[in-house]
Amino acid sequence: MDAIEEFGLLLKAVTRETDRRINDLLRPLGITTSQAEALQLLDRYGPLSLGELGTLVIAEGGHPSRLVDRLVAAGFAERRHASDDRRRIEISCTPRGSELAQAARERKALFRTWLEERLRETDLAPTIALLDACLAETPLAETVRQRRTRSLAGEDVTGDPA
């Protein structure tokens, strides 16, 4: 196995382990990692149009419409016409969705603590630069940029691991 193959294998393994651990933590809430991410973004930044949410969430196929449909059907989110433009539909959390977003934050904090313990002695800056290089000129690079921009603007003060 060469270094590129090993790098890809490790990325895939870390992603799967992360998803598995977070899904295990969220299972008692009855939501998935993707649903928790969307609810947390809507709770933090909403109401958002589907396009705005799409620039922030890493969802199936890069577009969150099916994810939002499921959240609306479950009563965790709602669609409404924007107050300033009746043609624009905005999505926001219902009170139950906001409660779930907060509960997901608390559960995901357990994962964050677990991960921080493993990375305590590691300088993450070179790894972040490496991963940025892998995503350069991809649609997900813009998603990461949007989230960073909001975080740097002080809109994301939770330190939440997505």
N, C-alpha and C. Protein backbone atom coordinates (compact mmCIF):
# COMPACT_ATOMS: atom_id res chain seq x y z
N MET A 1 0.86 -1.18 0.00
CA MET A 1 0.00 0.00 0.00
C MET A 1 0.90 1.23 0.00
N ASP A 2 0.65 2.16 -0.94
CA ASP A 2 1.45 3.39 -0.95
C ASP A 2 0.81 4.43 -0.02
N ALA A 3 1.46 5.56 0.14
CA ALA A 3 1.02 6.59 1.09
C ALA A 3 -0.34 7.17 0.73
N ILE A 4 -0.61 7.38 -0.55
CA ILE A 4 -1.90 7.94 -0.97
C ILE A 4 -3.02 6.95 -0.66
N GLU A 5 -2.80 5.69 -0.96
CA GLU A 5 -3.81 4.68 -0.66
C GLU A 5 -4.05 4.58 0.85
N GLU A 6 -2.98 4.61 1.62
CA GLU A 6 -3.12 4.54 3.08
C GLU A 6 -3.84 5.78 3.61
N PHE A 7 -3.52 6.95 3.06
CA PHE A 7 -4.19 8.18 3.45
C PHE A 7 -5.70 8.07 3.20
N GLY A 8 -6.07 7.61 2.00
CA GLY A 8 -7.49 7.43 1.67
C GLY A 8 -8.18 6.44 2.59
N LEU A 9 -7.50 5.36 2.87
CA LEU A 9 -8.05 4.34 3.78
C LEU A 9 -8.28 4.92 5.17
N LEU A 10 -7.29 5.67 5.67
CA LEU A 10 -7.43 6.28 6.99
C LEU A 10 -8.55 7.32 7.03
N LEU A 11 -8.66 8.13 5.98
CA LEU A 11 -9.77 9.11 5.92
C LEU A 11 -11.12 8.42 5.99
N LYS A 12 -11.26 7.38 5.20
CA LYS A 12 -12.52 6.64 5.16
C LYS A 12 -12.81 6.00 6.53
N ALA A 13 -11.79 5.42 7.14
CA ALA A 13 -11.97 4.77 8.44
C ALA A 13 -12.33 5.79 9.52
N VAL A 14 -11.67 6.94 9.52
CA VAL A 14 -11.98 7.98 10.51
C VAL A 14 -13.41 8.49 10.31
N THR A 15 -13.80 8.69 9.06
CA THR A 15 -15.16 9.16 8.77
C THR A 15 -16.19 8.14 9.27
N ARG A 16 -15.97 6.87 8.96
CA ARG A 16 -16.93 5.83 9.39
C ARG A 16 -16.98 5.72 10.91
N GLU A 17 -15.82 5.76 11.57
CA GLU A 17 -15.80 5.67 13.03
C GLU A 17 -16.48 6.87 13.67
N THR A 18 -16.25 8.05 13.11
CA THR A 18 -16.90 9.26 13.61
C THR A 18 -18.42 9.13 13.46
N ASP A 19 -18.87 8.77 12.26
CA ASP A 19 -20.31 8.61 12.03
C ASP A 19 -20.91 7.56 12.96
N ARG A 20 -20.22 6.44 13.13
CA ARG A 20 -20.72 5.38 13.99
C ARG A 20 -20.87 5.87 15.43
N ARG A 21 -19.85 6.51 15.95
CA ARG A 21 -19.89 6.99 17.34
C ARG A 21 -20.97 8.05 17.54
N ILE A 22 -21.05 9.00 16.62
CA ILE A 22 -22.06 10.06 16.78
C ILE A 22 -23.46 9.49 16.59
N ASN A 23 -23.66 8.60 15.62
CA ASN A 23 -24.98 7.98 15.45
C ASN A 23 -25.38 7.19 16.69
N ASP A 24 -24.42 6.49 17.31
CA ASP A 24 -24.72 5.77 18.55
C ASP A 24 -25.17 6.73 19.65
N LEU A 25 -24.53 7.89 19.73
CA LEU A 25 -24.90 8.88 20.74
C LEU A 25 -26.27 9.51 20.45
N LEU A 26 -26.60 9.65 19.17
CA LEU A 26 -27.87 10.29 18.79
C LEU A 26 -29.05 9.33 18.73
N ARG A 27 -28.77 8.03 18.64
CA ARG A 27 -29.84 7.04 18.48
C ARG A 27 -30.96 7.20 19.54
N PRO A 28 -30.63 7.42 20.82
CA PRO A 28 -31.72 7.58 21.79
C PRO A 28 -32.63 8.78 21.51
N LEU A 29 -32.13 9.75 20.74
CA LEU A 29 -32.95 10.91 20.38
C LEU A 29 -33.83 10.63 19.17
N GLY A 30 -33.55 9.53 18.45
CA GLY A 30 -34.34 9.18 17.28
C GLY A 30 -34.00 9.98 16.04
N ILE A 31 -32.78 10.54 15.99
CA ILE A 31 -32.36 11.30 14.81
C ILE A 31 -30.98 10.82 14.36
N THR A 32 -30.68 11.10 13.09
CA THR A 32 -29.39 10.73 12.52
C THR A 32 -28.41 11.89 12.64
N THR A 33 -27.17 11.61 12.29
CA THR A 33 -26.14 12.65 12.30
C THR A 33 -26.52 13.79 11.35
N SER A 34 -26.98 13.45 10.16
CA SER A 34 -27.37 14.48 9.19
C SER A 34 -28.54 15.31 9.69
N GLN A 35 -29.52 14.65 10.29
CA GLN A 35 -30.67 15.39 10.83
C GLN A 35 -30.23 16.31 11.96
N ALA A 36 -29.36 15.82 12.83
CA ALA A 36 -28.85 16.65 13.93
C ALA A 36 -28.11 17.86 13.39
N GLU A 37 -27.27 17.65 12.37
CA GLU A 37 -26.51 18.77 11.80
C GLU A 37 -27.46 19.83 11.23
N ALA A 38 -28.45 19.41 10.47
CA ALA A 38 -29.40 20.36 9.89
C ALA A 38 -30.18 21.09 10.98
N LEU A 39 -30.65 20.37 11.97
CA LEU A 39 -31.39 21.02 13.07
C LEU A 39 -30.52 22.01 13.82
N GLN A 40 -29.27 21.63 14.07
CA GLN A 40 -28.37 22.54 14.79
C GLN A 40 -28.11 23.80 13.98
N LEU A 41 -27.94 23.66 12.66
CA LEU A 41 -27.73 24.83 11.81
C LEU A 41 -28.98 25.71 11.77
N LEU A 42 -30.14 25.10 11.63
CA LEU A 42 -31.39 25.87 11.62
C LEU A 42 -31.61 26.55 12.96
N ASP A 43 -31.31 25.85 14.04
CA ASP A 43 -31.49 26.42 15.37
C ASP A 43 -30.54 27.59 15.59
N ARG A 44 -29.32 27.46 15.10
CA ARG A 44 -28.29 28.48 15.31
C ARG A 44 -28.46 29.66 14.37
N TYR A 45 -28.74 29.42 13.08
CA TYR A 45 -28.73 30.47 12.08
C TYR A 45 -30.08 30.77 11.46
N GLY A 46 -31.08 29.95 11.71
CA GLY A 46 -32.34 30.05 11.00
C GLY A 46 -33.15 31.27 11.35
N PRO A 47 -34.22 31.48 10.60
CA PRO A 47 -34.68 30.69 9.46
C PRO A 47 -33.77 30.87 8.24
N LEU A 48 -33.66 29.80 7.46
CA LEU A 48 -32.82 29.78 6.27
C LEU A 48 -33.60 29.26 5.08
N SER A 49 -33.25 29.76 3.90
CA SER A 49 -33.82 29.16 2.69
C SER A 49 -33.15 27.82 2.48
N LEU A 50 -33.72 27.00 1.62
CA LEU A 50 -33.12 25.71 1.31
C LEU A 50 -31.72 25.90 0.74
N GLY A 51 -31.54 26.89 -0.10
CA GLY A 51 -30.22 27.18 -0.67
C GLY A 51 -29.21 27.59 0.38
N GLU A 52 -29.65 28.44 1.32
CA GLU A 52 -28.74 28.87 2.39
C GLU A 52 -28.34 27.69 3.26
N LEU A 53 -29.31 26.85 3.60
CA LEU A 53 -29.00 25.66 4.38
C LEU A 53 -28.04 24.76 3.60
N GLY A 54 -28.27 24.65 2.29
CA GLY A 54 -27.41 23.83 1.45
C GLY A 54 -25.96 24.29 1.44
N THR A 55 -25.72 25.60 1.64
CA THR A 55 -24.33 26.08 1.68
C THR A 55 -23.65 25.77 3.00
N LEU A 56 -24.42 25.35 4.00
CA LEU A 56 -23.85 25.11 5.33
C LEU A 56 -23.81 23.64 5.74
N VAL A 57 -24.68 22.83 5.17
CA VAL A 57 -24.81 21.43 5.62
C VAL A 57 -24.10 20.50 4.64
N ILE A 58 -23.51 19.47 5.17
CA ILE A 58 -22.93 18.43 4.33
C ILE A 58 -23.97 17.31 4.30
N ALA A 59 -24.80 17.34 3.24
CA ALA A 59 -25.94 16.43 3.16
C ALA A 59 -25.82 15.53 1.95
N GLU A 60 -26.75 14.59 1.87
CA GLU A 60 -26.78 13.64 0.75
C GLU A 60 -26.81 14.40 -0.56
N GLY A 61 -25.89 14.06 -1.44
CA GLY A 61 -25.89 14.64 -2.77
C GLY A 61 -25.65 16.13 -2.80
N GLY A 62 -25.23 16.72 -1.68
CA GLY A 62 -24.96 18.14 -1.64
C GLY A 62 -26.19 19.02 -1.59
N HIS A 63 -27.37 18.43 -1.53
CA HIS A 63 -28.60 19.24 -1.48
C HIS A 63 -29.50 18.68 -0.39
N PRO A 64 -29.94 19.51 0.53
CA PRO A 64 -30.66 19.01 1.70
C PRO A 64 -32.17 18.88 1.55
N SER A 65 -32.72 18.90 0.35
CA SER A 65 -34.19 18.91 0.22
C SER A 65 -34.85 17.68 0.83
N ARG A 66 -34.31 16.48 0.58
CA ARG A 66 -34.91 15.27 1.18
C ARG A 66 -34.76 15.28 2.70
N LEU A 67 -33.62 15.75 3.15
CA LEU A 67 -33.38 15.84 4.59
C LEU A 67 -34.40 16.78 5.23
N VAL A 68 -34.61 17.93 4.62
CA VAL A 68 -35.60 18.89 5.14
C VAL A 68 -37.00 18.29 5.08
N ASP A 69 -37.33 17.60 3.99
CA ASP A 69 -38.64 16.95 3.89
C ASP A 69 -38.88 16.03 5.09
N ARG A 70 -37.85 15.24 5.44
CA ARG A 70 -37.98 14.31 6.57
C ARG A 70 -38.13 15.07 7.90
N LEU A 71 -37.39 16.16 8.06
CA LEU A 71 -37.49 16.95 9.29
C LEU A 71 -38.86 17.60 9.42
N VAL A 72 -39.40 18.08 8.32
CA VAL A 72 -40.74 18.69 8.33
C VAL A 72 -41.79 17.62 8.63
N ALA A 73 -41.70 16.47 7.98
CA ALA A 73 -42.66 15.38 8.20
C ALA A 73 -42.64 14.91 9.64
N ALA A 74 -41.49 14.94 10.28
CA ALA A 74 -41.37 14.50 11.67
C ALA A 74 -41.78 15.59 12.66
N GLY A 75 -42.03 16.80 12.17
CA GLY A 75 -42.44 17.89 13.05
C GLY A 75 -41.28 18.61 13.72
N PHE A 76 -40.06 18.43 13.20
CA PHE A 76 -38.88 19.07 13.80
C PHE A 76 -38.54 20.39 13.12
N ALA A 77 -39.05 20.59 11.91
CA ALA A 77 -38.80 21.83 11.16
C ALA A 77 -40.08 22.21 10.45
N GLU A 78 -40.14 23.46 10.04
CA GLU A 78 -41.29 23.94 9.29
C GLU A 78 -40.84 24.88 8.18
N ARG A 79 -41.66 24.90 7.13
CA ARG A 79 -41.43 25.81 6.00
C ARG A 79 -42.45 26.93 6.10
N ARG A 80 -41.97 28.16 5.83
CA ARG A 80 -42.88 29.32 5.81
C ARG A 80 -42.42 30.28 4.73
N HIS A 81 -43.34 31.09 4.26
CA HIS A 81 -42.98 32.17 3.36
C HIS A 81 -42.21 33.21 4.17
N ALA A 82 -41.15 33.75 3.59
CA ALA A 82 -40.38 34.80 4.26
C ALA A 82 -41.24 36.04 4.43
N SER A 83 -41.06 36.72 5.52
CA SER A 83 -41.88 37.90 5.79
C SER A 83 -41.60 39.03 4.80
N ASP A 84 -40.39 39.10 4.27
CA ASP A 84 -40.03 40.18 3.36
C ASP A 84 -40.19 39.82 1.88
N ASP A 85 -40.42 38.53 1.57
CA ASP A 85 -40.55 38.09 0.18
C ASP A 85 -41.39 36.82 0.15
N ARG A 86 -42.64 36.94 -0.23
CA ARG A 86 -43.56 35.79 -0.21
C ARG A 86 -43.14 34.68 -1.16
N ARG A 87 -42.26 34.97 -2.14
CA ARG A 87 -41.79 33.94 -3.06
C ARG A 87 -40.72 33.06 -2.41
N ARG A 88 -40.11 33.56 -1.38
CA ARG A 88 -39.01 32.85 -0.71
C ARG A 88 -39.56 31.99 0.42
N ILE A 89 -39.17 30.73 0.42
CA ILE A 89 -39.57 29.80 1.49
C ILE A 89 -38.39 29.66 2.45
N GLU A 90 -38.69 29.82 3.73
CA GLU A 90 -37.66 29.66 4.75
C GLU A 90 -37.97 28.46 5.62
N ILE A 91 -36.92 27.83 6.09
CA ILE A 91 -37.05 26.67 6.96
C ILE A 91 -36.55 27.06 8.34
N SER A 92 -37.27 26.65 9.35
CA SER A 92 -36.83 26.93 10.72
C SER A 92 -37.18 25.74 11.60
N CYS A 93 -36.59 25.71 12.76
CA CYS A 93 -36.89 24.66 13.72
C CYS A 93 -38.22 24.92 14.38
N THR A 94 -38.94 23.87 14.65
CA THR A 94 -40.10 23.96 15.53
C THR A 94 -39.55 23.95 16.96
N PRO A 95 -40.38 24.21 17.95
CA PRO A 95 -39.88 24.11 19.33
C PRO A 95 -39.28 22.72 19.62
N ARG A 96 -39.91 21.67 19.12
CA ARG A 96 -39.36 20.31 19.31
C ARG A 96 -38.03 20.16 18.59
N GLY A 97 -37.90 20.74 17.40
CA GLY A 97 -36.64 20.70 16.67
C GLY A 97 -35.53 21.42 17.41
N SER A 98 -35.85 22.56 18.03
CA SER A 98 -34.85 23.28 18.83
C SER A 98 -34.42 22.47 20.04
N GLU A 99 -35.37 21.80 20.67
CA GLU A 99 -35.02 20.93 21.81
C GLU A 99 -34.09 19.80 21.36
N LEU A 100 -34.40 19.20 20.21
CA LEU A 100 -33.56 18.13 19.68
C LEU A 100 -32.18 18.65 19.30
N ALA A 101 -32.12 19.85 18.73
CA ALA A 101 -30.82 20.44 18.38
C ALA A 101 -29.95 20.59 19.62
N GLN A 102 -30.55 21.08 20.70
CA GLN A 102 -29.80 21.24 21.94
C GLN A 102 -29.38 19.88 22.52
N ALA A 103 -30.28 18.93 22.50
CA ALA A 103 -29.95 17.58 23.00
C ALA A 103 -28.83 16.95 22.16
N ALA A 104 -28.87 17.18 20.85
CA ALA A 104 -27.82 16.65 19.97
C ALA A 104 -26.49 17.31 20.29
N ARG A 105 -26.50 18.63 20.54
CA ARG A 105 -25.26 19.33 20.92
C ARG A 105 -24.65 18.69 22.17
N GLU A 106 -25.50 18.41 23.14
CA GLU A 106 -25.02 17.82 24.39
C GLU A 106 -24.44 16.43 24.16
N ARG A 107 -25.11 15.63 23.35
CA ARG A 107 -24.62 14.27 23.06
C ARG A 107 -23.32 14.32 22.26
N LYS A 108 -23.28 15.20 21.26
CA LYS A 108 -22.09 15.30 20.43
C LYS A 108 -20.89 15.86 21.20
N ALA A 109 -21.16 16.58 22.27
CA ALA A 109 -20.07 17.07 23.12
C ALA A 109 -19.32 15.90 23.75
N LEU A 110 -20.00 14.79 23.98
CA LEU A 110 -19.33 13.59 24.51
C LEU A 110 -18.32 13.06 23.49
N PHE A 111 -18.69 13.08 22.22
CA PHE A 111 -17.76 12.66 21.17
C PHE A 111 -16.59 13.62 21.10
N ARG A 112 -16.89 14.91 21.17
CA ARG A 112 -15.83 15.92 21.11
C ARG A 112 -14.82 15.70 22.23
N THR A 113 -15.28 15.42 23.44
CA THR A 113 -14.39 15.16 24.57
C THR A 113 -13.53 13.92 24.30
N TRP A 114 -14.14 12.87 23.78
CA TRP A 114 -13.41 11.64 23.45
C TRP A 114 -12.31 11.95 22.44
N LEU A 115 -12.65 12.71 21.41
CA LEU A 115 -11.69 13.03 20.36
C LEU A 115 -10.59 13.97 20.87
N GLU A 116 -10.97 14.96 21.65
CA GLU A 116 -9.97 15.87 22.22
C GLU A 116 -8.94 15.13 23.06
N GLU A 117 -9.37 14.13 23.80
CA GLU A 117 -8.44 13.33 24.60
C GLU A 117 -7.41 12.65 23.72
N ARG A 118 -7.83 12.15 22.57
CA ARG A 118 -6.91 11.45 21.68
C ARG A 118 -5.97 12.40 20.95
N LEU A 119 -6.40 13.63 20.74
CA LEU A 119 -5.62 14.59 19.96
C LEU A 119 -4.92 15.64 20.81
N ARG A 120 -4.95 15.47 22.09
CA ARG A 120 -4.43 16.48 23.03
C ARG A 120 -3.02 16.95 22.67
N GLU A 121 -2.15 16.06 22.29
CA GLU A 121 -0.75 16.39 22.01
C GLU A 121 -0.48 16.63 20.52
N THR A 122 -1.52 16.74 19.71
CA THR A 122 -1.36 16.84 18.26
C THR A 122 -1.60 18.26 17.77
N ASP A 123 -0.70 18.76 16.94
CA ASP A 123 -0.89 20.05 16.28
C ASP A 123 -1.79 19.81 15.07
N LEU A 124 -3.00 20.31 15.13
CA LEU A 124 -3.96 20.05 14.06
C LEU A 124 -3.80 20.94 12.84
N ALA A 125 -3.06 22.03 12.95
CA ALA A 125 -2.93 22.97 11.83
C ALA A 125 -2.42 22.30 10.55
N PRO A 126 -1.36 21.47 10.59
CA PRO A 126 -0.93 20.83 9.34
C PRO A 126 -1.98 19.86 8.77
N THR A 127 -2.70 19.19 9.64
CA THR A 127 -3.73 18.26 9.18
C THR A 127 -4.89 19.02 8.54
N ILE A 128 -5.26 20.13 9.14
CA ILE A 128 -6.33 20.96 8.57
C ILE A 128 -5.91 21.48 7.20
N ALA A 129 -4.66 21.93 7.07
CA ALA A 129 -4.15 22.40 5.78
C ALA A 129 -4.17 21.27 4.75
N LEU A 130 -3.79 20.08 5.16
CA LEU A 130 -3.80 18.93 4.26
C LEU A 130 -5.22 18.61 3.78
N LEU A 131 -6.16 18.60 4.69
CA LEU A 131 -7.55 18.30 4.33
C LEU A 131 -8.14 19.40 3.46
N ASP A 132 -7.79 20.65 3.75
CA ASP A 132 -8.21 21.76 2.89
C ASP A 132 -7.71 21.56 1.47
N ALA A 133 -6.46 21.13 1.34
CA ALA A 133 -5.89 20.89 0.01
C ALA A 133 -6.66 19.79 -0.72
N CYS A 134 -7.08 18.77 0.00
CA CYS A 134 -7.86 17.69 -0.62
C CYS A 134 -9.21 18.18 -1.12
N LEU A 135 -9.79 19.14 -0.42
CA LEU A 135 -11.11 19.64 -0.79
C LEU A 135 -11.07 20.82 -1.76
N ALA A 136 -9.89 21.36 -2.02
CA ALA A 136 -9.77 22.54 -2.87
C ALA A 136 -10.54 22.35 -4.17
N GLU A 137 -11.26 23.40 -4.54
CA GLU A 137 -12.01 23.43 -5.80
C GLU A 137 -13.10 22.36 -5.89
N THR A 138 -13.67 22.02 -4.75
CA THR A 138 -14.82 21.12 -4.71
C THR A 138 -15.99 21.87 -4.08
N PRO A 139 -17.22 21.42 -4.32
CA PRO A 139 -18.36 22.07 -3.68
C PRO A 139 -18.28 22.05 -2.14
N LEU A 140 -17.73 21.00 -1.58
CA LEU A 140 -17.64 20.94 -0.11
C LEU A 140 -16.66 21.94 0.45
N ALA A 141 -15.69 22.38 -0.35
CA ALA A 141 -14.77 23.43 0.11
C ALA A 141 -15.57 24.70 0.43
N GLU A 142 -16.57 25.00 -0.38
CA GLU A 142 -17.42 26.17 -0.13
C GLU A 142 -18.24 25.99 1.14
N THR A 143 -18.74 24.79 1.37
CA THR A 143 -19.48 24.52 2.60
C THR A 143 -18.60 24.79 3.82
N VAL A 144 -17.39 24.28 3.78
CA VAL A 144 -16.45 24.50 4.90
C VAL A 144 -16.16 25.99 5.04
N ARG A 145 -15.95 26.69 3.92
CA ARG A 145 -15.67 28.13 3.97
C ARG A 145 -16.83 28.90 4.61
N GLN A 146 -18.05 28.55 4.21
CA GLN A 146 -19.23 29.22 4.78
C GLN A 146 -19.32 29.01 6.29
N ARG A 147 -19.07 27.80 6.73
CA ARG A 147 -19.14 27.51 8.17
C ARG A 147 -18.03 28.25 8.91
N ARG A 148 -16.83 28.28 8.34
CA ARG A 148 -15.72 29.01 8.98
C ARG A 148 -16.04 30.49 9.06
N THR A 149 -16.58 31.05 7.99
CA THR A 149 -16.90 32.47 7.96
C THR A 149 -17.88 32.82 9.07
N ARG A 150 -18.91 32.02 9.20
CA ARG A 150 -19.90 32.27 10.25
C ARG A 150 -19.28 32.11 11.64
N SER A 151 -18.41 31.13 11.77
CA SER A 151 -17.75 30.90 13.05
C SER A 151 -16.86 32.08 13.42
N LEU A 152 -16.07 32.55 12.46
CA LEU A 152 -15.18 33.68 12.70
C LEU A 152 -15.95 34.97 12.99
N ALA A 153 -17.16 35.06 12.44
CA ALA A 153 -17.99 36.23 12.67
C ALA A 153 -18.67 36.16 14.05
N GLY A 154 -18.37 35.10 14.79
CA GLY A 154 -18.94 34.97 16.11
C GLY A 154 -20.32 34.37 16.14
N GLU A 155 -20.79 33.86 15.00
CA GLU A 155 -22.12 33.28 14.95
C GLU A 155 -22.16 31.87 15.51
N ASP A 156 -21.00 31.21 15.63
CA ASP A 156 -20.95 29.84 16.12
C ASP A 156 -20.06 29.83 17.35
N VAL A 157 -20.65 30.03 18.49
CA VAL A 157 -19.86 30.12 19.72
C VAL A 157 -19.92 28.85 20.54
N THR A 158 -20.52 27.81 19.99
CA THR A 158 -20.71 26.58 20.76
C THR A 158 -19.51 25.65 20.74
N GLY A 159 -18.63 25.81 19.75
CA GLY A 159 -17.53 24.87 19.61
C GLY A 159 -18.01 23.49 19.23
N ASP A 160 -19.19 23.43 18.68
CA ASP A 160 -19.85 22.16 18.36
C ASP A 160 -19.20 21.45 17.19
N PRO A 161 -18.94 20.13 17.27
CA PRO A 161 -18.33 19.42 16.14
C PRO A 161 -19.34 19.09 15.06
N ALA A 162 -19.90 20.13 14.46
CA ALA A 162 -20.90 19.98 13.39
C ALA A 162 -21.97 19.10 13.86
